[in-house]
Amino acid sequence: MDEQDATLITNLAWGQMEVTAGGQVSRFKDCKVWTGGATAWNWNETGTQHEPGIQPADLEEVLEKGVEIVILARGVFSRLGVCPETEKLLRDRGVEYHMLDTKEAITLYNELARQGRRVGGVFHSTC
């Protein structure tokens, strides 16, 4: 895949991420990203909190995009949890997934996106 066509997370600062998709740059505090697009991840929509963490409902939009790999970015200091139900959902659907601190998650996401893999995930820019 041409890097120009890939959806990449191009910058991380405390409380802000930049995503470049199709030559367009978008900025988010937290985001959902997949091959071909990105959107804000609004925790209030699903009642997500640091504990118990990322819920199955947080991944619905990403999974609907037909991703084969999901990246769960747990925050810069990995303080965002992941609900056991979220891991079960991914295992039951046969979706490969990785739970990493946000910097490692961005590195892996971008590497897979550059390879042309159908990758998506949720990314938290603080704690």
N, C-alpha and C. Protein backbone atom coordinates (compact mmCIF):
# COMPACT_ATOMS: atom_id res chain seq x y z
N MET A 1 0.85 -1.18 0.00
CA MET A 1 0.00 0.00 0.00
C MET A 1 0.89 1.23 0.00
N ASP A 2 0.56 2.17 -0.82
CA ASP A 2 1.27 3.45 -0.86
C ASP A 2 0.98 4.18 0.44
N GLU A 3 2.04 4.68 1.10
CA GLU A 3 1.86 5.36 2.38
C GLU A 3 0.88 6.53 2.26
N GLN A 4 0.82 7.13 1.10
CA GLN A 4 -0.09 8.24 0.88
C GLN A 4 -1.55 7.78 1.01
N ASP A 5 -1.82 6.52 0.71
CA ASP A 5 -3.17 5.97 0.79
C ASP A 5 -3.51 5.41 2.17
N ALA A 6 -2.50 5.15 2.98
CA ALA A 6 -2.72 4.54 4.29
C ALA A 6 -3.31 5.56 5.27
N THR A 7 -4.12 5.07 6.19
CA THR A 7 -4.58 5.88 7.31
C THR A 7 -3.56 5.68 8.43
N LEU A 8 -2.86 6.76 8.80
CA LEU A 8 -1.78 6.67 9.78
C LEU A 8 -2.00 7.65 10.92
N ILE A 9 -1.54 7.26 12.10
CA ILE A 9 -1.52 8.18 13.23
C ILE A 9 -0.16 8.87 13.17
N THR A 10 -0.18 10.15 12.84
CA THR A 10 1.04 10.85 12.48
C THR A 10 1.63 11.70 13.59
N ASN A 11 0.90 11.87 14.70
CA ASN A 11 1.47 12.63 15.81
C ASN A 11 0.70 12.31 17.09
N LEU A 12 1.44 12.25 18.20
CA LEU A 12 0.84 12.06 19.52
C LEU A 12 1.43 13.11 20.45
N ALA A 13 0.55 13.86 21.09
CA ALA A 13 0.92 14.76 22.17
C ALA A 13 -0.10 14.52 23.27
N TRP A 14 0.22 14.94 24.49
CA TRP A 14 -0.71 14.70 25.60
C TRP A 14 -2.06 15.33 25.28
N GLY A 15 -3.09 14.49 25.19
CA GLY A 15 -4.44 14.98 24.94
C GLY A 15 -4.77 15.24 23.48
N GLN A 16 -3.87 14.86 22.57
CA GLN A 16 -4.16 15.09 21.15
C GLN A 16 -3.39 14.11 20.26
N MET A 17 -4.10 13.59 19.27
CA MET A 17 -3.50 12.76 18.24
C MET A 17 -3.87 13.33 16.89
N GLU A 18 -2.97 13.18 15.93
CA GLU A 18 -3.25 13.55 14.55
C GLU A 18 -3.32 12.28 13.73
N VAL A 19 -4.35 12.19 12.91
CA VAL A 19 -4.53 11.06 12.01
C VAL A 19 -4.57 11.61 10.59
N THR A 20 -3.78 11.01 9.72
CA THR A 20 -3.77 11.41 8.32
C THR A 20 -4.40 10.28 7.50
N ALA A 21 -5.47 10.63 6.79
CA ALA A 21 -6.18 9.67 5.94
C ALA A 21 -6.50 10.35 4.63
N GLY A 22 -6.04 9.77 3.54
CA GLY A 22 -6.32 10.34 2.22
C GLY A 22 -5.82 11.76 2.07
N GLY A 23 -4.70 12.07 2.71
CA GLY A 23 -4.12 13.40 2.62
C GLY A 23 -4.76 14.42 3.56
N GLN A 24 -5.81 14.04 4.26
CA GLN A 24 -6.49 14.92 5.22
C GLN A 24 -5.97 14.64 6.63
N VAL A 25 -5.69 15.70 7.38
CA VAL A 25 -5.25 15.56 8.76
C VAL A 25 -6.41 15.91 9.69
N SER A 26 -6.68 15.02 10.63
CA SER A 26 -7.72 15.24 11.65
C SER A 26 -7.07 15.15 13.02
N ARG A 27 -7.60 15.90 13.97
CA ARG A 27 -7.07 15.89 15.33
C ARG A 27 -8.17 15.41 16.29
N PHE A 28 -7.74 14.56 17.22
CA PHE A 28 -8.66 13.97 18.18
C PHE A 28 -7.99 13.89 19.54
N LYS A 29 -8.80 13.90 20.61
CA LYS A 29 -8.27 13.58 21.94
C LYS A 29 -8.08 12.07 22.01
N ASP A 30 -9.15 11.36 21.76
CA ASP A 30 -9.14 9.90 21.66
C ASP A 30 -9.81 9.57 20.34
N CYS A 31 -9.39 8.47 19.71
CA CYS A 31 -9.96 8.20 18.39
C CYS A 31 -10.11 6.72 18.11
N LYS A 32 -10.98 6.46 17.14
CA LYS A 32 -11.15 5.15 16.54
C LYS A 32 -10.57 5.29 15.14
N VAL A 33 -9.71 4.35 14.75
CA VAL A 33 -9.03 4.44 13.47
C VAL A 33 -9.14 3.07 12.78
N TRP A 34 -9.26 3.10 11.46
CA TRP A 34 -9.31 1.88 10.67
C TRP A 34 -8.76 2.19 9.29
N THR A 35 -8.52 1.17 8.51
CA THR A 35 -8.06 1.35 7.14
C THR A 35 -9.10 2.17 6.40
N GLY A 36 -8.73 3.38 6.02
CA GLY A 36 -9.63 4.23 5.26
C GLY A 36 -10.33 5.32 6.05
N GLY A 37 -10.15 5.39 7.37
CA GLY A 37 -10.84 6.45 8.09
C GLY A 37 -10.55 6.51 9.57
N ALA A 38 -11.13 7.52 10.20
CA ALA A 38 -10.98 7.73 11.64
C ALA A 38 -12.12 8.61 12.12
N THR A 39 -12.41 8.50 13.40
CA THR A 39 -13.42 9.35 14.02
C THR A 39 -13.06 9.52 15.49
N ALA A 40 -13.68 10.49 16.12
CA ALA A 40 -13.47 10.69 17.56
C ALA A 40 -14.02 9.50 18.33
N TRP A 41 -13.36 9.17 19.41
CA TRP A 41 -13.83 8.13 20.33
C TRP A 41 -14.36 8.86 21.55
N ASN A 42 -15.67 8.96 21.64
CA ASN A 42 -16.33 9.66 22.72
C ASN A 42 -16.74 8.64 23.79
N TRP A 43 -16.01 8.61 24.88
CA TRP A 43 -16.28 7.65 25.95
C TRP A 43 -17.69 7.79 26.51
N ASN A 44 -18.25 8.98 26.46
CA ASN A 44 -19.58 9.21 27.02
C ASN A 44 -20.66 8.41 26.29
N GLU A 45 -20.43 8.08 25.02
CA GLU A 45 -21.43 7.33 24.25
C GLU A 45 -21.68 5.95 24.82
N THR A 46 -20.64 5.35 25.42
CA THR A 46 -20.77 3.99 25.95
C THR A 46 -20.57 3.92 27.46
N GLY A 47 -20.31 5.07 28.09
CA GLY A 47 -20.07 5.08 29.53
C GLY A 47 -18.71 4.52 29.90
N THR A 48 -17.78 4.54 28.97
CA THR A 48 -16.44 4.01 29.23
C THR A 48 -15.73 4.85 30.28
N GLN A 49 -15.04 4.17 31.18
CA GLN A 49 -14.20 4.79 32.20
C GLN A 49 -12.90 4.01 32.24
N HIS A 50 -11.90 4.53 32.94
CA HIS A 50 -10.60 3.86 32.99
C HIS A 50 -10.72 2.43 33.52
N GLU A 51 -11.60 2.21 34.46
CA GLU A 51 -11.91 0.88 34.95
C GLU A 51 -13.41 0.69 34.84
N PRO A 52 -13.90 -0.34 34.26
CA PRO A 52 -13.14 -1.51 33.79
C PRO A 52 -12.43 -1.31 32.45
N GLY A 53 -12.73 -0.22 31.73
CA GLY A 53 -11.96 0.07 30.53
C GLY A 53 -12.72 -0.07 29.23
N ILE A 54 -11.97 -0.41 28.19
CA ILE A 54 -12.52 -0.50 26.83
C ILE A 54 -13.59 -1.59 26.80
N GLN A 55 -14.77 -1.20 26.34
CA GLN A 55 -15.92 -2.09 26.30
C GLN A 55 -16.18 -2.61 24.88
N PRO A 56 -16.90 -3.72 24.76
CA PRO A 56 -17.24 -4.20 23.41
C PRO A 56 -17.89 -3.12 22.55
N ALA A 57 -18.77 -2.31 23.14
CA ALA A 57 -19.47 -1.27 22.36
C ALA A 57 -18.49 -0.24 21.78
N ASP A 58 -17.33 -0.06 22.42
CA ASP A 58 -16.34 0.88 21.90
C ASP A 58 -15.75 0.41 20.57
N LEU A 59 -15.83 -0.88 20.32
CA LEU A 59 -15.21 -1.45 19.12
C LEU A 59 -16.19 -1.69 17.97
N GLU A 60 -17.48 -1.54 18.20
CA GLU A 60 -18.47 -1.87 17.17
C GLU A 60 -18.18 -1.20 15.84
N GLU A 61 -17.95 0.11 15.86
CA GLU A 61 -17.73 0.85 14.62
C GLU A 61 -16.47 0.37 13.90
N VAL A 62 -15.43 0.07 14.65
CA VAL A 62 -14.18 -0.41 14.05
C VAL A 62 -14.38 -1.80 13.44
N LEU A 63 -15.05 -2.68 14.17
CA LEU A 63 -15.28 -4.04 13.66
C LEU A 63 -16.16 -4.04 12.42
N GLU A 64 -17.11 -3.09 12.35
CA GLU A 64 -17.98 -2.99 11.16
C GLU A 64 -17.19 -2.65 9.90
N LYS A 65 -15.98 -2.16 10.05
CA LYS A 65 -15.15 -1.79 8.90
C LYS A 65 -14.41 -3.00 8.32
N GLY A 66 -14.62 -4.18 8.91
CA GLY A 66 -14.01 -5.39 8.37
C GLY A 66 -12.54 -5.56 8.69
N VAL A 67 -12.10 -5.03 9.83
CA VAL A 67 -10.69 -5.15 10.19
C VAL A 67 -10.36 -6.59 10.56
N GLU A 68 -9.11 -6.97 10.34
CA GLU A 68 -8.64 -8.31 10.72
C GLU A 68 -7.76 -8.27 11.96
N ILE A 69 -7.30 -7.07 12.32
CA ILE A 69 -6.46 -6.88 13.50
C ILE A 69 -6.96 -5.64 14.24
N VAL A 70 -7.09 -5.75 15.56
CA VAL A 70 -7.53 -4.62 16.38
C VAL A 70 -6.42 -4.27 17.37
N ILE A 71 -6.15 -2.97 17.46
CA ILE A 71 -5.18 -2.45 18.41
C ILE A 71 -5.94 -1.73 19.51
N LEU A 72 -5.69 -2.10 20.75
CA LEU A 72 -6.32 -1.47 21.91
C LEU A 72 -5.23 -0.66 22.62
N ALA A 73 -5.26 0.66 22.43
CA ALA A 73 -4.25 1.54 23.04
C ALA A 73 -4.75 1.95 24.41
N ARG A 74 -4.01 1.56 25.44
CA ARG A 74 -4.45 1.69 26.82
C ARG A 74 -4.01 2.98 27.51
N GLY A 75 -3.51 3.94 26.73
CA GLY A 75 -3.05 5.20 27.31
C GLY A 75 -1.53 5.22 27.38
N VAL A 76 -0.99 6.41 27.55
CA VAL A 76 0.46 6.60 27.59
C VAL A 76 1.09 5.80 28.73
N PHE A 77 0.40 5.73 29.86
CA PHE A 77 0.90 4.98 31.02
C PHE A 77 0.11 3.69 31.27
N SER A 78 -0.64 3.24 30.26
CA SER A 78 -1.44 2.00 30.32
C SER A 78 -2.42 1.99 31.48
N ARG A 79 -3.04 3.12 31.76
CA ARG A 79 -4.00 3.19 32.87
C ARG A 79 -5.42 2.87 32.44
N LEU A 80 -5.66 2.74 31.16
CA LEU A 80 -6.99 2.39 30.65
C LEU A 80 -7.10 0.87 30.60
N GLY A 81 -8.08 0.34 31.29
CA GLY A 81 -8.28 -1.10 31.31
C GLY A 81 -8.95 -1.62 30.05
N VAL A 82 -9.10 -2.93 29.98
CA VAL A 82 -9.82 -3.59 28.90
C VAL A 82 -10.77 -4.58 29.57
N CYS A 83 -12.07 -4.43 29.33
CA CYS A 83 -13.06 -5.34 29.91
C CYS A 83 -12.82 -6.76 29.42
N PRO A 84 -12.98 -7.76 30.29
CA PRO A 84 -12.87 -9.15 29.85
C PRO A 84 -13.83 -9.46 28.70
N GLU A 85 -15.00 -8.83 28.70
CA GLU A 85 -15.98 -9.06 27.63
C GLU A 85 -15.45 -8.58 26.27
N THR A 86 -14.60 -7.57 26.30
CA THR A 86 -14.02 -7.06 25.05
C THR A 86 -13.07 -8.09 24.46
N GLU A 87 -12.22 -8.65 25.31
CA GLU A 87 -11.31 -9.69 24.82
C GLU A 87 -12.09 -10.91 24.33
N LYS A 88 -13.13 -11.27 25.06
CA LYS A 88 -13.95 -12.42 24.65
C LYS A 88 -14.58 -12.18 23.28
N LEU A 89 -15.13 -10.97 23.07
CA LEU A 89 -15.73 -10.62 21.79
C LEU A 89 -14.73 -10.81 20.65
N LEU A 90 -13.53 -10.30 20.83
CA LEU A 90 -12.51 -10.40 19.78
C LEU A 90 -12.09 -11.85 19.54
N ARG A 91 -11.91 -12.61 20.63
CA ARG A 91 -11.57 -14.03 20.47
C ARG A 91 -12.68 -14.79 19.76
N ASP A 92 -13.94 -14.55 20.18
CA ASP A 92 -15.09 -15.25 19.58
C ASP A 92 -15.22 -14.95 18.09
N ARG A 93 -14.85 -13.74 17.69
CA ARG A 93 -14.93 -13.36 16.27
C ARG A 93 -13.67 -13.72 15.49
N GLY A 94 -12.68 -14.27 16.19
CA GLY A 94 -11.45 -14.67 15.53
C GLY A 94 -10.61 -13.49 15.05
N VAL A 95 -10.72 -12.36 15.78
CA VAL A 95 -9.98 -11.16 15.41
C VAL A 95 -8.70 -11.09 16.23
N GLU A 96 -7.57 -10.99 15.55
CA GLU A 96 -6.30 -10.81 16.24
C GLU A 96 -6.33 -9.45 16.94
N TYR A 97 -5.79 -9.39 18.16
CA TYR A 97 -5.78 -8.11 18.86
C TYR A 97 -4.52 -7.96 19.69
N HIS A 98 -4.19 -6.69 19.95
CA HIS A 98 -3.00 -6.34 20.74
C HIS A 98 -3.39 -5.25 21.72
N MET A 99 -2.99 -5.40 22.99
CA MET A 99 -3.23 -4.39 24.03
C MET A 99 -1.87 -3.80 24.40
N LEU A 100 -1.69 -2.52 24.13
CA LEU A 100 -0.38 -1.89 24.31
C LEU A 100 -0.54 -0.48 24.86
N ASP A 101 0.56 0.06 25.41
CA ASP A 101 0.50 1.48 25.74
C ASP A 101 0.39 2.24 24.42
N THR A 102 -0.07 3.47 24.49
CA THR A 102 -0.43 4.19 23.27
C THR A 102 0.73 4.38 22.31
N LYS A 103 1.91 4.68 22.80
CA LYS A 103 3.05 4.87 21.89
C LYS A 103 3.37 3.58 21.13
N GLU A 104 3.41 2.45 21.85
CA GLU A 104 3.66 1.16 21.18
C GLU A 104 2.52 0.81 20.24
N ALA A 105 1.29 1.12 20.66
CA ALA A 105 0.11 0.82 19.84
C ALA A 105 0.15 1.59 18.52
N ILE A 106 0.55 2.85 18.57
CA ILE A 106 0.64 3.65 17.35
C ILE A 106 1.71 3.09 16.43
N THR A 107 2.84 2.72 16.98
CA THR A 107 3.92 2.14 16.17
C THR A 107 3.44 0.89 15.45
N LEU A 108 2.79 -0.02 16.18
CA LEU A 108 2.31 -1.26 15.58
C LEU A 108 1.20 -0.97 14.57
N TYR A 109 0.26 -0.11 14.93
CA TYR A 109 -0.82 0.22 14.00
C TYR A 109 -0.26 0.74 12.68
N ASN A 110 0.64 1.73 12.76
CA ASN A 110 1.20 2.33 11.55
C ASN A 110 1.99 1.31 10.72
N GLU A 111 2.73 0.45 11.39
CA GLU A 111 3.49 -0.59 10.68
C GLU A 111 2.54 -1.50 9.90
N LEU A 112 1.47 -1.95 10.54
CA LEU A 112 0.51 -2.83 9.88
C LEU A 112 -0.24 -2.10 8.76
N ALA A 113 -0.60 -0.84 9.00
CA ALA A 113 -1.30 -0.06 7.97
C ALA A 113 -0.41 0.13 6.74
N ARG A 114 0.87 0.38 6.95
CA ARG A 114 1.81 0.54 5.83
C ARG A 114 1.97 -0.75 5.03
N GLN A 115 1.77 -1.88 5.71
CA GLN A 115 1.84 -3.18 5.04
C GLN A 115 0.56 -3.49 4.27
N GLY A 116 -0.44 -2.64 4.40
CA GLY A 116 -1.71 -2.87 3.71
C GLY A 116 -2.65 -3.80 4.44
N ARG A 117 -2.37 -4.07 5.72
CA ARG A 117 -3.25 -4.93 6.50
C ARG A 117 -4.53 -4.19 6.87
N ARG A 118 -5.61 -4.92 7.04
CA ARG A 118 -6.88 -4.33 7.46
C ARG A 118 -6.85 -4.22 8.99
N VAL A 119 -6.34 -3.11 9.46
CA VAL A 119 -6.12 -2.90 10.89
C VAL A 119 -6.95 -1.73 11.37
N GLY A 120 -7.39 -1.81 12.61
CA GLY A 120 -8.14 -0.73 13.23
C GLY A 120 -7.91 -0.77 14.72
N GLY A 121 -8.44 0.23 15.39
CA GLY A 121 -8.29 0.23 16.83
C GLY A 121 -8.85 1.46 17.49
N VAL A 122 -8.73 1.45 18.82
CA VAL A 122 -9.12 2.61 19.63
C VAL A 122 -7.87 3.10 20.34
N PHE A 123 -7.73 4.43 20.38
CA PHE A 123 -6.50 5.04 20.86
C PHE A 123 -6.81 6.12 21.89
N HIS A 124 -6.17 6.04 23.05
CA HIS A 124 -6.35 6.98 24.16
C HIS A 124 -5.06 7.81 24.28
N SER A 125 -5.20 9.13 24.29
CA SER A 125 -4.01 10.00 24.19
C SER A 125 -3.44 10.48 25.53
N THR A 126 -4.08 10.14 26.63
CA THR A 126 -3.52 10.55 27.92
C THR A 126 -3.29 9.32 28.79
N CYS A 127 -3.11 9.50 30.02
CA CYS A 127 -2.82 8.52 31.09
C CYS A 127 -2.59 7.11 30.60
